Structure formats: structure tokens, C-alpha cells
N, C-alpha and C. Protein backbone atom coordinates (compact mmCIF):
# COMPACT_ATOMS: atom_id res chain seq x y z
N MET A 1 0.86 -1.34 0.00
CA MET A 1 0.00 0.08 -0.15
C MET A 1 0.84 1.30 -0.06
N ILE A 2 1.93 1.11 0.72
CA ILE A 2 2.91 2.39 0.72
C ILE A 2 3.56 2.50 -0.47
N ILE A 3 3.84 1.58 -0.98
CA ILE A 3 4.65 1.40 -2.45
C ILE A 3 3.67 1.98 -3.54
N GLU A 4 2.24 1.79 -3.70
CA GLU A 4 1.25 1.96 -4.27
C GLU A 4 1.30 3.72 -4.38
N LEU A 5 1.18 4.23 -3.22
CA LEU A 5 1.09 5.49 -2.49
C LEU A 5 2.22 6.21 -3.23
N LEU A 6 3.38 5.77 -3.25
CA LEU A 6 4.61 6.46 -3.51
C LEU A 6 4.64 6.50 -4.95
N LEU A 7 4.38 5.57 -5.55
CA LEU A 7 4.24 5.45 -7.16
C LEU A 7 3.22 5.71 -7.95
N SER A 8 1.95 6.27 -7.35
CA SER A 8 0.93 6.92 -7.89
C SER A 8 1.25 8.16 -8.49
N PRO A 9 1.93 9.04 -7.88
CA PRO A 9 2.19 10.46 -8.76
C PRO A 9 3.20 10.17 -10.34
N PHE A 10 3.99 9.24 -10.04
CA PHE A 10 4.64 8.67 -11.43
C PHE A 10 3.86 8.01 -12.14
N TRP A 11 2.78 7.32 -11.78
CA TRP A 11 1.94 6.62 -13.06
C TRP A 11 0.91 7.48 -13.24
N GLY A 12 0.37 8.56 -12.68
CA GLY A 12 -0.12 9.49 -13.05
C GLY A 12 0.44 10.51 -14.25
N LEU A 13 1.83 10.88 -13.95
CA LEU A 13 2.56 11.44 -15.01
C LEU A 13 2.73 10.55 -16.16
N ILE A 14 2.98 9.44 -16.01
CA ILE A 14 2.94 8.57 -17.14
C ILE A 14 1.66 8.64 -18.09
N ASP A 15 0.62 8.65 -17.23
CA ASP A 15 -0.78 8.65 -17.84
C ASP A 15 -1.03 9.93 -18.48
N LEU A 16 -0.66 10.92 -18.04
CA LEU A 16 -0.80 12.49 -18.65
C LEU A 16 0.01 12.43 -19.84
N ILE A 17 1.17 12.06 -19.94
CA ILE A 17 2.01 11.82 -20.82
C ILE A 17 1.38 11.02 -22.33
N ILE A 18 1.07 9.97 -22.00
CA ILE A 18 0.37 9.19 -22.82
C ILE A 18 -1.04 9.70 -23.59
N ASN A 19 -1.68 10.44 -22.60
CA ASN A 19 -2.99 10.93 -23.30
C ASN A 19 -2.60 12.14 -24.05
N LEU A 20 -1.52 12.89 -23.84
CA LEU A 20 -1.05 13.91 -24.79
C LEU A 20 -0.97 13.58 -25.93
N LEU A 21 -0.51 12.29 -26.34
CA LEU A 21 -0.20 11.70 -27.75
C LEU A 21 -1.67 11.84 -28.49
N PRO A 22 -1.43 12.31 -29.68
CA PRO A 22 -2.70 12.23 -30.58
C PRO A 22 -3.13 10.65 -30.98
N SER A 23 -4.29 10.62 -30.91
CA SER A 23 -4.79 9.06 -31.34
C SER A 23 -4.63 9.12 -32.63
N ALA A 24 -4.08 7.73 -33.17
CA ALA A 24 -3.99 7.63 -34.85
C ALA A 24 -5.34 7.03 -35.35
N PRO A 25 -5.87 7.14 -36.49
CA PRO A 25 -7.12 6.53 -37.01
C PRO A 25 -6.51 5.13 -37.19
N SER A 26 -7.55 4.18 -37.44
CA SER A 26 -7.48 2.90 -37.86
C SER A 26 -6.93 2.48 -38.73
N SER A 27 -7.06 3.56 -39.85
CA SER A 27 -6.56 3.35 -41.32
C SER A 27 -5.13 3.74 -41.23
N ALA A 28 -4.76 4.18 -40.22
CA ALA A 28 -3.02 4.59 -40.48
C ALA A 28 -2.37 3.69 -40.63
N PHE A 29 -2.76 2.41 -40.04
CA PHE A 29 -1.67 1.30 -40.28
C PHE A 29 -2.10 -0.02 -41.22
N SER A 30 -2.99 0.54 -42.37
CA SER A 30 -3.29 -0.36 -43.21
C SER A 30 -1.95 -0.66 -44.18
N LEU A 31 -2.33 -1.74 -44.79
CA LEU A 31 -1.13 -1.99 -45.89
C LEU A 31 -0.86 -0.96 -46.92
N GLY A 32 -2.13 -0.52 -47.46
CA GLY A 32 -1.86 0.95 -48.81
C GLY A 32 -0.74 1.92 -48.35
N ASN A 33 -0.95 2.45 -46.89
CA ASN A 33 -0.43 3.47 -46.29
C ASN A 33 1.16 2.95 -46.30
N PHE A 34 1.51 1.62 -45.89
CA PHE A 34 2.86 0.97 -45.95
C PHE A 34 3.34 1.29 -47.39
N VAL A 35 2.49 0.78 -48.05
CA VAL A 35 3.13 0.39 -49.41
C VAL A 35 3.42 1.78 -49.87
N SER A 36 2.75 2.91 -49.71
CA SER A 36 2.93 4.32 -50.19
C SER A 36 4.47 4.96 -49.72
N ILE A 37 4.38 4.53 -48.16
CA ILE A 37 5.69 4.84 -47.52
C ILE A 37 6.85 4.20 -48.27
N VAL A 38 6.73 2.85 -48.42
CA VAL A 38 8.07 2.11 -48.93
C VAL A 38 8.16 2.39 -50.36
N SER A 39 7.23 3.15 -51.08
CA SER A 39 7.60 3.45 -52.59
C SER A 39 7.95 4.70 -52.76
N LYS A 40 7.78 5.77 -51.41
CA LYS A 40 8.72 6.91 -51.53
C LYS A 40 10.13 6.49 -51.23
N GLY A 41 10.55 5.63 -50.42
CA GLY A 41 11.88 5.20 -50.16
C GLY A 41 12.45 4.49 -51.37
N MET A 42 11.82 3.85 -52.18
CA MET A 42 12.23 3.19 -53.54
C MET A 42 12.61 3.95 -54.47
N ILE A 43 12.48 5.29 -54.27
CA ILE A 43 12.96 6.44 -55.32
C ILE A 43 14.68 6.31 -55.08
N PHE A 44 15.25 6.20 -53.81
CA PHE A 44 16.45 6.51 -53.52
C PHE A 44 17.30 5.01 -53.73
N ILE A 45 16.49 3.97 -53.32
CA ILE A 45 17.07 2.45 -53.53
C ILE A 45 16.59 1.82 -54.34
N ASN A 46 17.31 0.87 -55.01
CA ASN A 46 16.89 -0.20 -56.00
C ASN A 46 16.21 -1.22 -55.17
N PRO A 47 14.67 -1.51 -55.70
CA PRO A 47 13.90 -2.31 -55.01
C PRO A 47 14.46 -3.85 -54.59
N VAL A 48 15.52 -4.11 -55.66
CA VAL A 48 16.00 -5.51 -55.28
C VAL A 48 17.12 -5.31 -54.14
N THR A 49 17.84 -4.49 -54.09
CA THR A 49 18.53 -3.95 -52.75
C THR A 49 17.82 -3.95 -51.62
N PHE A 50 16.67 -3.10 -51.43
CA PHE A 50 15.76 -3.14 -50.45
C PHE A 50 15.19 -4.20 -50.02
N VAL A 51 15.05 -5.25 -50.86
CA VAL A 51 14.39 -6.72 -50.54
C VAL A 51 15.34 -7.46 -49.89
N LEU A 52 16.57 -7.20 -50.58
CA LEU A 52 17.74 -7.82 -49.87
C LEU A 52 17.79 -7.53 -48.49
N VAL A 53 17.98 -6.23 -48.13
CA VAL A 53 18.44 -5.97 -46.86
C VAL A 53 17.33 -6.05 -45.90
N ILE A 54 16.02 -5.94 -46.38
CA ILE A 54 14.84 -6.49 -45.36
C ILE A 54 14.99 -7.89 -44.98
N SER A 55 15.11 -8.53 -46.29
CA SER A 55 15.06 -10.19 -45.87
C SER A 55 16.11 -10.54 -45.28
N ASN A 56 17.35 -9.98 -44.99
CA ASN A 56 18.63 -10.28 -44.35
C ASN A 56 18.45 -9.75 -42.88
N VAL A 57 17.59 -8.54 -42.50
CA VAL A 57 17.43 -8.07 -41.34
C VAL A 57 16.60 -9.06 -40.60
N LEU A 58 15.58 -9.25 -41.35
CA LEU A 58 14.40 -10.37 -40.67
C LEU A 58 15.15 -11.64 -40.39
N PHE A 59 15.60 -12.23 -41.35
CA PHE A 59 16.37 -13.55 -41.06
C PHE A 59 17.49 -13.49 -39.85
N TRP A 60 18.10 -12.69 -39.84
CA TRP A 60 19.06 -12.57 -38.57
C TRP A 60 18.30 -11.95 -37.56
N ALA A 61 17.38 -11.38 -37.42
CA ALA A 61 16.41 -11.31 -36.19
C ALA A 61 15.71 -12.27 -35.58
N SER A 62 15.07 -13.18 -36.82
CA SER A 62 14.74 -14.52 -36.12
C SER A 62 15.65 -15.56 -35.83
N ILE A 63 16.82 -15.24 -36.24
CA ILE A 63 17.89 -16.47 -35.68
C ILE A 63 18.07 -15.92 -34.30
N HIS A 64 18.46 -14.49 -33.97
CA HIS A 64 18.79 -14.28 -32.59
C HIS A 64 17.60 -14.46 -31.81
N PHE A 65 16.26 -14.20 -32.22
CA PHE A 65 15.28 -14.40 -31.22
C PHE A 65 15.08 -15.95 -31.06
N GLY A 66 15.21 -16.85 -32.14
CA GLY A 66 15.19 -18.28 -31.90
C GLY A 66 16.20 -18.78 -30.92
N TRP A 67 17.62 -18.26 -31.05
CA TRP A 67 18.51 -18.68 -30.31
C TRP A 67 18.24 -18.04 -28.48
N ALA A 68 17.87 -16.93 -28.43
CA ALA A 68 17.49 -16.39 -27.36
C ALA A 68 16.36 -17.39 -26.41
N ILE A 69 15.24 -17.73 -27.19
CA ILE A 69 14.27 -18.85 -26.71
C ILE A 69 15.16 -20.31 -26.47
N VAL A 70 15.86 -20.86 -27.23
CA VAL A 70 16.63 -22.11 -26.86
C VAL A 70 17.63 -21.76 -25.72
N GLU A 71 18.38 -20.72 -25.68
CA GLU A 71 19.05 -20.51 -24.27
C GLU A 71 18.19 -20.17 -23.10
N TRP A 72 17.14 -19.53 -23.21
CA TRP A 72 16.28 -19.48 -22.00
C TRP A 72 15.80 -20.59 -21.60
N VAL A 73 15.54 -21.72 -22.57
CA VAL A 73 14.90 -23.19 -22.02
C VAL A 73 15.90 -23.68 -21.46
N TYR A 74 17.33 -23.87 -22.30
CA TYR A 74 18.18 -24.67 -21.39
C TYR A 74 19.00 -24.08 -20.23
N LYS A 75 18.54 -22.60 -20.00
CA LYS A 75 18.97 -22.25 -18.28
C LYS A 75 18.07 -22.51 -17.70
N LYS A 76 16.89 -23.03 -17.98
CA LYS A 76 15.71 -23.30 -17.03
C LYS A 76 16.16 -24.79 -16.46
N ILE A 77 16.91 -25.65 -16.85
CA ILE A 77 17.33 -27.13 -16.43
C ILE A 77 18.19 -26.84 -15.35
N PRO A 78 18.08 -27.34 -14.22
CA PRO A 78 18.85 -27.59 -13.22
C PRO A 78 20.12 -28.13 -13.28
N GLY A 79 21.24 -27.61 -13.09
CA GLY A 79 22.85 -28.16 -13.32
C GLY A 79 23.13 -27.92 -14.54
N VAL A 80 22.34 -27.58 -15.61
CA VAL A 80 22.99 -26.83 -17.00
C VAL A 80 23.64 -25.58 -16.81
N ASP A 81 24.69 -25.46 -17.25
CA ASP A 81 25.25 -24.00 -17.11
C ASP A 81 25.63 -23.61 -18.55
């Protein structure tokens, strides 16, 4: 109860900051808007290069995420270090 009393101003400040952010319309995160943003970037970068870079980033991110899960699981086994 004391911790809640001490942290309530902090959570109130966080809530105030979040409420100051404008709300985005539900159509802001549609595929069409994503494609229009990416197509503007394609003016400067070759589409083949863009696809290669994005696929490499996603590939290595999935490898790191998968290894993190494997490492978390084997660290949960007692006696294994």
C-alpha cells in the first residue's frame, strides 16, 4: 500500500504523457499506407537491394530470437550452465 502511494504520482505522470499523444485513426496502419511510404523510399534505393536488406534483417533477427528462446529453455534446466 505504501509503494502504491509512492508510485501513484509517477503513474499519473505517465498517464498524462500518454494522453497528450494524438490518437491515430484505424486506417493509419493499413497495408496501402505502408506501401505508399515504402514506394517513396524506393526512389532512392533499388527495389532488389531493398528486398535483400529487409530479408537479411528479418532472417538474422529471427535467428537471434530463436537462439534466445533456446538459451532461455536450457538455462531453466537445473545443473546445466
